[in-house]
N, C-alpha and C. Protein backbone atom coordinates (compact mmCIF):
# COMPACT_ATOMS: atom_id res chain seq x y z
N MET A 1 -7.89 -19.32 -14.20
CA MET A 1 -7.96 -17.88 -14.36
C MET A 1 -9.16 -17.32 -13.60
N ILE A 2 -9.21 -16.01 -13.52
CA ILE A 2 -10.29 -15.33 -12.82
C ILE A 2 -11.53 -15.31 -13.71
N SER A 3 -12.67 -15.71 -13.13
CA SER A 3 -13.88 -15.69 -13.93
C SER A 3 -14.43 -14.27 -13.99
N TYR A 4 -14.96 -13.93 -15.13
CA TYR A 4 -15.49 -12.59 -15.34
C TYR A 4 -16.71 -12.34 -14.47
N THR A 5 -17.59 -13.32 -14.35
CA THR A 5 -18.81 -13.13 -13.56
C THR A 5 -18.49 -12.97 -12.07
N GLY A 6 -17.48 -13.69 -11.58
CA GLY A 6 -17.07 -13.54 -10.19
C GLY A 6 -16.55 -12.15 -9.91
N PHE A 7 -15.82 -11.61 -10.87
CA PHE A 7 -15.28 -10.26 -10.70
C PHE A 7 -16.40 -9.23 -10.72
N ILE A 8 -17.38 -9.41 -11.60
CA ILE A 8 -18.51 -8.48 -11.68
C ILE A 8 -19.32 -8.52 -10.39
N LYS A 9 -19.54 -9.71 -9.81
CA LYS A 9 -20.24 -9.80 -8.53
C LYS A 9 -19.48 -9.06 -7.45
N PHE A 10 -18.17 -9.19 -7.47
CA PHE A 10 -17.34 -8.53 -6.48
C PHE A 10 -17.45 -7.01 -6.62
N ILE A 11 -17.40 -6.51 -7.84
CA ILE A 11 -17.50 -5.07 -8.08
C ILE A 11 -18.85 -4.54 -7.62
N ASN A 12 -19.92 -5.32 -7.86
CA ASN A 12 -21.24 -4.88 -7.42
C ASN A 12 -21.36 -4.88 -5.91
N THR A 13 -20.71 -5.82 -5.24
CA THR A 13 -20.74 -5.89 -3.79
C THR A 13 -19.91 -4.78 -3.17
N TYR A 14 -18.72 -4.54 -3.72
CA TYR A 14 -17.82 -3.52 -3.22
C TYR A 14 -17.56 -2.52 -4.34
N PRO A 15 -18.41 -1.49 -4.47
CA PRO A 15 -18.27 -0.57 -5.60
C PRO A 15 -16.93 0.17 -5.58
N MET A 16 -16.38 0.33 -6.75
CA MET A 16 -15.09 0.99 -6.90
C MET A 16 -15.27 2.46 -7.23
N GLY A 17 -14.38 3.25 -6.70
CA GLY A 17 -14.23 4.61 -7.18
C GLY A 17 -13.15 4.56 -8.24
N GLU A 18 -12.45 5.62 -8.36
CA GLU A 18 -11.31 5.62 -9.27
C GLU A 18 -10.12 5.01 -8.53
N ILE A 19 -9.57 3.94 -9.06
CA ILE A 19 -8.38 3.35 -8.46
C ILE A 19 -7.30 3.23 -9.53
N SER A 20 -6.08 3.20 -9.09
CA SER A 20 -4.95 3.17 -10.01
C SER A 20 -4.80 1.78 -10.62
N PRO A 21 -4.08 1.68 -11.74
CA PRO A 21 -3.84 0.36 -12.35
C PRO A 21 -3.11 -0.59 -11.41
N LEU A 22 -2.25 -0.06 -10.56
CA LEU A 22 -1.53 -0.89 -9.60
C LEU A 22 -2.49 -1.48 -8.56
N ALA A 23 -3.45 -0.67 -8.12
CA ALA A 23 -4.46 -1.17 -7.18
C ALA A 23 -5.36 -2.20 -7.84
N GLU A 24 -5.64 -2.02 -9.13
CA GLU A 24 -6.44 -3.02 -9.85
C GLU A 24 -5.71 -4.35 -9.93
N LYS A 25 -4.38 -4.29 -10.13
CA LYS A 25 -3.58 -5.52 -10.17
C LYS A 25 -3.62 -6.21 -8.81
N ARG A 26 -3.50 -5.43 -7.74
CA ARG A 26 -3.55 -6.01 -6.40
C ARG A 26 -4.91 -6.62 -6.10
N LEU A 27 -5.96 -5.97 -6.56
CA LEU A 27 -7.31 -6.51 -6.38
C LEU A 27 -7.47 -7.81 -7.16
N ALA A 28 -6.92 -7.87 -8.36
CA ALA A 28 -6.99 -9.09 -9.16
C ALA A 28 -6.23 -10.23 -8.47
N MET A 29 -5.09 -9.90 -7.85
CA MET A 29 -4.34 -10.92 -7.10
C MET A 29 -5.19 -11.49 -5.98
N ILE A 30 -5.84 -10.61 -5.23
CA ILE A 30 -6.63 -11.04 -4.08
C ILE A 30 -7.84 -11.85 -4.53
N GLU A 31 -8.50 -11.41 -5.58
CA GLU A 31 -9.64 -12.16 -6.10
C GLU A 31 -9.22 -13.56 -6.58
N PHE A 32 -8.08 -13.62 -7.25
CA PHE A 32 -7.56 -14.90 -7.70
C PHE A 32 -7.28 -15.81 -6.52
N TYR A 33 -6.73 -15.23 -5.45
CA TYR A 33 -6.45 -16.01 -4.24
C TYR A 33 -7.75 -16.52 -3.62
N TYR A 34 -8.78 -15.69 -3.59
CA TYR A 34 -10.06 -16.12 -3.01
C TYR A 34 -10.65 -17.31 -3.78
N GLN A 35 -10.35 -17.40 -5.06
CA GLN A 35 -10.88 -18.50 -5.86
C GLN A 35 -10.06 -19.78 -5.70
N ILE A 36 -8.74 -19.69 -5.65
CA ILE A 36 -7.94 -20.92 -5.64
C ILE A 36 -7.33 -21.25 -4.28
N LYS A 37 -7.24 -20.27 -3.37
CA LYS A 37 -6.73 -20.48 -2.00
C LYS A 37 -5.29 -21.00 -1.94
N GLU A 38 -4.46 -20.61 -2.88
CA GLU A 38 -3.05 -21.00 -2.86
C GLU A 38 -2.18 -19.79 -3.16
N ALA A 39 -1.49 -19.32 -2.13
CA ALA A 39 -0.68 -18.11 -2.25
C ALA A 39 0.51 -18.31 -3.19
N LYS A 40 1.05 -19.52 -3.21
CA LYS A 40 2.21 -19.78 -4.07
C LYS A 40 1.85 -19.61 -5.54
N VAL A 41 0.69 -20.11 -5.93
CA VAL A 41 0.25 -20.00 -7.32
C VAL A 41 -0.01 -18.53 -7.68
N VAL A 42 -0.65 -17.81 -6.76
CA VAL A 42 -0.95 -16.39 -7.00
C VAL A 42 0.34 -15.60 -7.14
N SER A 43 1.28 -15.81 -6.24
CA SER A 43 2.52 -15.05 -6.29
C SER A 43 3.33 -15.37 -7.55
N THR A 44 3.27 -16.61 -8.00
CA THR A 44 3.96 -16.98 -9.24
C THR A 44 3.28 -16.36 -10.45
N ALA A 45 1.95 -16.39 -10.47
CA ALA A 45 1.20 -15.87 -11.61
C ALA A 45 1.37 -14.35 -11.75
N PHE A 46 1.42 -13.64 -10.63
CA PHE A 46 1.51 -12.19 -10.68
C PHE A 46 2.93 -11.67 -10.49
N LYS A 47 3.89 -12.60 -10.36
CA LYS A 47 5.32 -12.26 -10.25
C LYS A 47 5.61 -11.32 -9.07
N VAL A 48 5.06 -11.69 -7.90
CA VAL A 48 5.38 -10.99 -6.65
C VAL A 48 5.76 -12.04 -5.62
N SER A 49 6.46 -11.60 -4.58
CA SER A 49 6.81 -12.56 -3.54
C SER A 49 5.58 -12.87 -2.68
N ARG A 50 5.63 -14.01 -2.01
CA ARG A 50 4.51 -14.37 -1.13
C ARG A 50 4.37 -13.36 0.00
N LYS A 51 5.51 -12.86 0.48
CA LYS A 51 5.48 -11.87 1.55
C LYS A 51 4.73 -10.61 1.11
N THR A 52 5.00 -10.16 -0.10
CA THR A 52 4.32 -8.99 -0.64
C THR A 52 2.84 -9.26 -0.83
N PHE A 53 2.52 -10.44 -1.34
CA PHE A 53 1.11 -10.79 -1.53
C PHE A 53 0.37 -10.78 -0.20
N TYR A 54 0.96 -11.40 0.82
CA TYR A 54 0.30 -11.44 2.13
C TYR A 54 0.18 -10.05 2.74
N LYS A 55 1.14 -9.18 2.46
CA LYS A 55 1.06 -7.80 2.96
C LYS A 55 -0.18 -7.12 2.41
N TRP A 56 -0.41 -7.28 1.10
CA TRP A 56 -1.57 -6.63 0.48
C TRP A 56 -2.87 -7.30 0.91
N LEU A 57 -2.86 -8.61 1.04
CA LEU A 57 -4.06 -9.32 1.48
C LEU A 57 -4.45 -8.90 2.89
N ASN A 58 -3.48 -8.85 3.80
CA ASN A 58 -3.77 -8.46 5.18
C ASN A 58 -4.24 -7.01 5.27
N ARG A 59 -3.58 -6.12 4.53
CA ARG A 59 -3.99 -4.71 4.55
C ARG A 59 -5.42 -4.56 4.03
N TYR A 60 -5.75 -5.30 2.99
CA TYR A 60 -7.09 -5.23 2.39
C TYR A 60 -8.14 -5.77 3.36
N GLU A 61 -7.87 -6.90 4.00
CA GLU A 61 -8.85 -7.49 4.90
C GLU A 61 -9.00 -6.69 6.19
N ARG A 62 -7.89 -6.14 6.72
CA ARG A 62 -7.97 -5.33 7.94
C ARG A 62 -8.76 -4.04 7.73
N SER A 63 -8.78 -3.54 6.50
CA SER A 63 -9.48 -2.29 6.22
C SER A 63 -10.98 -2.51 6.01
N GLY A 64 -11.44 -3.74 6.10
CA GLY A 64 -12.85 -4.02 5.83
C GLY A 64 -13.14 -4.12 4.35
N LYS A 65 -12.14 -4.56 3.59
CA LYS A 65 -12.23 -4.73 2.13
C LYS A 65 -12.50 -3.42 1.40
N ARG A 66 -11.86 -2.36 1.88
CA ARG A 66 -11.94 -1.08 1.18
C ARG A 66 -10.89 -1.04 0.09
N LEU A 67 -11.27 -0.60 -1.08
CA LEU A 67 -10.35 -0.58 -2.20
C LEU A 67 -9.24 0.46 -2.03
N SER A 68 -9.51 1.48 -1.26
CA SER A 68 -8.48 2.50 -1.05
C SER A 68 -7.27 1.94 -0.32
N SER A 69 -7.44 0.82 0.39
CA SER A 69 -6.30 0.22 1.09
C SER A 69 -5.30 -0.41 0.13
N LEU A 70 -5.68 -0.62 -1.12
CA LEU A 70 -4.78 -1.22 -2.10
C LEU A 70 -3.89 -0.19 -2.79
N GLU A 71 -4.13 1.09 -2.51
CA GLU A 71 -3.29 2.15 -3.07
C GLU A 71 -2.01 2.24 -2.26
N ASP A 72 -0.96 2.77 -2.88
CA ASP A 72 0.30 2.99 -2.18
C ASP A 72 0.11 4.06 -1.11
N LYS A 73 0.76 3.87 0.02
CA LYS A 73 0.74 4.88 1.07
C LYS A 73 1.86 5.87 0.79
N PRO A 74 1.69 7.12 1.26
CA PRO A 74 2.75 8.11 1.02
C PRO A 74 4.06 7.72 1.69
N LYS A 75 5.16 8.04 1.05
CA LYS A 75 6.47 7.71 1.58
C LYS A 75 7.02 8.80 2.49
N VAL A 76 6.34 9.94 2.56
CA VAL A 76 6.78 11.07 3.37
C VAL A 76 6.53 10.75 4.84
N PRO A 77 7.49 11.03 5.71
CA PRO A 77 7.27 10.76 7.13
C PRO A 77 6.12 11.60 7.69
N THR A 78 5.37 11.02 8.61
CA THR A 78 4.25 11.74 9.19
C THR A 78 4.71 12.73 10.24
N ILE A 79 5.84 12.45 10.88
CA ILE A 79 6.38 13.36 11.89
C ILE A 79 7.75 13.81 11.42
N THR A 80 7.93 15.12 11.31
CA THR A 80 9.21 15.66 10.89
C THR A 80 9.86 16.40 12.05
N ARG A 81 11.17 16.46 12.04
CA ARG A 81 11.90 17.16 13.09
C ARG A 81 11.68 18.66 12.97
N LYS A 82 11.63 19.29 14.13
CA LYS A 82 11.51 20.74 14.16
C LYS A 82 12.76 21.30 14.84
N THR A 83 13.21 22.45 14.38
CA THR A 83 14.38 23.09 14.97
C THR A 83 14.02 23.60 16.36
N THR A 84 14.86 23.27 17.33
CA THR A 84 14.59 23.69 18.71
C THR A 84 15.67 24.63 19.23
N LEU A 85 16.50 25.13 18.36
CA LEU A 85 17.57 26.04 18.78
C LEU A 85 17.04 27.46 18.94
N ASP A 86 17.52 28.13 19.97
CA ASP A 86 17.19 29.55 20.06
C ASP A 86 18.21 30.34 19.24
N PHE A 87 17.97 31.61 19.10
CA PHE A 87 18.78 32.44 18.21
C PHE A 87 20.23 32.51 18.65
N ASN A 88 20.48 32.66 19.96
CA ASN A 88 21.86 32.77 20.46
C ASN A 88 22.65 31.48 20.21
N THR A 89 22.05 30.34 20.43
CA THR A 89 22.74 29.07 20.20
C THR A 89 23.05 28.90 18.72
N GLU A 90 22.15 29.31 17.88
CA GLU A 90 22.37 29.22 16.44
C GLU A 90 23.56 30.11 16.03
N LEU A 91 23.65 31.28 16.59
CA LEU A 91 24.78 32.17 16.29
C LEU A 91 26.10 31.55 16.74
N LYS A 92 26.10 30.92 17.91
CA LYS A 92 27.32 30.27 18.41
C LYS A 92 27.77 29.15 17.47
N ILE A 93 26.81 28.36 17.00
CA ILE A 93 27.12 27.26 16.07
C ILE A 93 27.71 27.82 14.77
N LYS A 94 27.10 28.86 14.26
CA LYS A 94 27.60 29.47 13.02
C LYS A 94 29.01 30.00 13.21
N HIS A 95 29.26 30.60 14.36
CA HIS A 95 30.58 31.13 14.67
C HIS A 95 31.63 29.99 14.73
N LEU A 96 31.26 28.87 15.36
CA LEU A 96 32.17 27.72 15.45
C LEU A 96 32.43 27.12 14.07
N ARG A 97 31.45 27.08 13.22
CA ARG A 97 31.63 26.52 11.87
C ARG A 97 32.54 27.39 11.02
N GLU A 98 32.49 28.68 11.26
CA GLU A 98 33.35 29.59 10.50
C GLU A 98 34.82 29.44 10.87
N LYS A 99 35.11 29.00 12.10
CA LYS A 99 36.50 28.83 12.55
C LYS A 99 37.23 27.76 11.82
């Protein structure tokens, strides 16, 4: 299991702001992995796939061990389509749909 003193040292090294319970679970997974170095055991203990575990581990390490990287990213697309029709073309389309 995860040692309490190891977790406290980690918190003091990387201070936490407010993080969600899901991010805390992901942080606990990563800390457990740092102690035992076996992804299969971690994924079994936390009931996630190894692929998911490695996704969170890589995201966390690439961010420089920032806790905000353990939060879910927004599902909304960053680029949305914009209407490029002019008024006359729009009227023609509406007319064709009415037929």
